[in-house]
Amino acid sequence: MPKKKSSTPFEESLAELEQLVSQLEQGDITLEESLKSFERGVYLTRTCRQALQEAEQKVQILLEKNGSQSLEPFTDE
């Protein structure tokens, strides 16, 4: 049976994190709100990092299954 994830999707977490950073950079919120936003941002950062690590592991597994043992660096050309 597939494992259900209760967390928000990566894209939503990243969008919320970007919004929090923007709020904090503007400096229009109270110290208490800033601390809550920072705490939420740390949580979202960890969630995004974990999702990226899981995706990287899946890619590595798929490459190994296809007989390709070496990864090539990504170039943006």
C-alpha atoms as a PDB file:
ATOM      1  CA  MET A   1       0.000   0.000   0.000  1.00  0.00           C
ATOM      2  CA  PRO A   2       1.484   3.414  -0.950  1.00  0.00           C
ATOM      3  CA  LYS A   3       2.628   5.651   1.837  1.00  0.00           C
ATOM      4  CA  LYS A   4       0.473   8.787   2.135  1.00  0.00           C
ATOM      5  CA  LYS A   5       2.248  12.045   2.791  1.00  0.00           C
ATOM      6  CA  SER A   6       0.511  14.599   4.968  1.00  0.00           C
ATOM      7  CA  SER A   7       2.964  17.367   4.108  1.00  0.00           C
ATOM      8  CA  THR A   8       2.372  20.029   1.514  1.00  0.00           C
ATOM      9  CA  PRO A   9       3.829  19.572  -1.961  1.00  0.00           C
ATOM     10  CA  PHE A  10       7.319  20.910  -2.623  1.00  0.00           C
ATOM     11  CA  GLU A  11       6.114  23.729  -4.872  1.00  0.00           C
ATOM     12  CA  GLU A  12       3.640  25.004  -2.284  1.00  0.00           C
ATOM     13  CA  SER A  13       6.258  24.883   0.465  1.00  0.00           C
ATOM     14  CA  LEU A  14       8.743  26.763  -1.691  1.00  0.00           C
ATOM     15  CA  ALA A  15       6.166  29.425  -2.610  1.00  0.00           C
ATOM     16  CA  GLU A  16       5.253  29.919   1.057  1.00  0.00           C
ATOM     17  CA  LEU A  17       8.933  30.151   1.979  1.00  0.00           C
ATOM     18  CA  GLU A  18       9.495  32.820  -0.677  1.00  0.00           C
ATOM     19  CA  GLN A  19       6.511  34.776   0.665  1.00  0.00           C
ATOM     20  CA  LEU A  20       7.854  34.581   4.232  1.00  0.00           C
ATOM     21  CA  VAL A  21      11.278  35.800   3.130  1.00  0.00           C
ATOM     22  CA  SER A  22       9.682  38.721   1.327  1.00  0.00           C
ATOM     23  CA  GLN A  23       7.667  39.637   4.441  1.00  0.00           C
ATOM     24  CA  LEU A  24      10.725  39.471   6.656  1.00  0.00           C
ATOM     25  CA  GLU A  25      12.781  41.566   4.249  1.00  0.00           C
ATOM     26  CA  GLN A  26      10.152  44.308   4.215  1.00  0.00           C
ATOM     27  CA  GLY A  27      10.361  44.610   8.001  1.00  0.00           C
ATOM     28  CA  ASP A  28       6.722  45.663   8.388  1.00  0.00           C
ATOM     29  CA  ILE A  29       5.814  43.015  10.962  1.00  0.00           C
ATOM     30  CA  THR A  30       6.346  42.850  14.707  1.00  0.00           C
ATOM     31  CA  LEU A  31       9.216  41.024  16.348  1.00  0.00           C
ATOM     32  CA  GLU A  32       6.880  38.272  17.535  1.00  0.00           C
ATOM     33  CA  GLU A  33       5.451  37.813  14.033  1.00  0.00           C
ATOM     34  CA  SER A  34       8.987  37.832  12.633  1.00  0.00           C
ATOM     35  CA  LEU A  35      10.028  35.040  14.989  1.00  0.00           C
ATOM     36  CA  LYS A  36       6.975  32.970  14.057  1.00  0.00           C
ATOM     37  CA  SER A  37       7.686  33.535  10.366  1.00  0.00           C
ATOM     38  CA  PHE A  38      11.329  32.605  10.858  1.00  0.00           C
ATOM     39  CA  GLU A  39      10.359  29.426  12.689  1.00  0.00           C
ATOM     40  CA  ARG A  40       7.939  28.491   9.891  1.00  0.00           C
ATOM     41  CA  GLY A  41      10.654  29.269   7.345  1.00  0.00           C
ATOM     42  CA  VAL A  42      13.107  26.933   9.039  1.00  0.00           C
ATOM     43  CA  TYR A  43      10.485  24.169   8.964  1.00  0.00           C
ATOM     44  CA  LEU A  44       9.728  24.790   5.285  1.00  0.00           C
ATOM     45  CA  THR A  45      13.437  24.841   4.423  1.00  0.00           C
ATOM     46  CA  ARG A  46      13.915  21.451   6.054  1.00  0.00           C
ATOM     47  CA  THR A  47      10.837  20.083   4.287  1.00  0.00           C
ATOM     48  CA  CYS A  48      12.067  21.306   0.900  1.00  0.00           C
ATOM     49  CA  ARG A  49      15.577  19.983   1.486  1.00  0.00           C
ATOM     50  CA  GLN A  50      14.189  16.562   2.407  1.00  0.00           C
ATOM     51  CA  ALA A  51      11.989  16.487  -0.706  1.00  0.00           C
ATOM     52  CA  LEU A  52      14.974  17.365  -2.894  1.00  0.00           C
ATOM     53  CA  GLN A  53      17.121  14.667  -1.272  1.00  0.00           C
ATOM     54  CA  GLU A  54      14.385  12.074  -1.829  1.00  0.00           C
ATOM     55  CA  ALA A  55      14.060  13.107  -5.478  1.00  0.00           C
ATOM     56  CA  GLU A  56      17.827  12.863  -5.948  1.00  0.00           C
ATOM     57  CA  GLN A  57      17.840   9.359  -4.436  1.00  0.00           C
ATOM     58  CA  LYS A  58      15.033   8.279  -6.784  1.00  0.00           C
ATOM     59  CA  VAL A  59      16.975   9.584  -9.789  1.00  0.00           C
ATOM     60  CA  GLN A  60      20.097   7.735  -8.672  1.00  0.00           C
ATOM     61  CA  ILE A  61      18.124   4.508  -8.227  1.00  0.00           C
ATOM     62  CA  LEU A  62      16.568   4.863 -11.674  1.00  0.00           C
ATOM     63  CA  LEU A  63      19.949   5.529 -13.272  1.00  0.00           C
ATOM     64  CA  GLU A  64      21.443   2.488 -11.572  1.00  0.00           C
ATOM     65  CA  LYS A  65      18.545   0.303 -12.769  1.00  0.00           C
ATOM     66  CA  ASN A  66      19.213   1.424 -16.335  1.00  0.00           C
ATOM     67  CA  GLY A  67      22.864   0.412 -16.116  1.00  0.00           C
ATOM     68  CA  SER A  68      24.291   3.918 -15.926  1.00  0.00           C
ATOM     69  CA  GLN A  69      26.658   3.993 -12.990  1.00  0.00           C
ATOM     70  CA  SER A  70      27.958   7.536 -13.336  1.00  0.00           C
ATOM     71  CA  LEU A  71      26.123  10.830 -13.054  1.00  0.00           C
ATOM     72  CA  GLU A  72      27.003  13.698 -15.338  1.00  0.00           C
ATOM     73  CA  PRO A  73      26.964  17.301 -14.126  1.00  0.00           C
ATOM     74  CA  PHE A  74      24.008  19.370 -15.242  1.00  0.00           C
ATOM     75  CA  THR A  75      24.814  22.250 -17.551  1.00  0.00           C
ATOM     76  CA  ASP A  76      22.300  24.987 -18.256  1.00  0.00           C
ATOM     77  CA  GLU A  77      23.018  25.429 -21.957  1.00  0.00           C
END
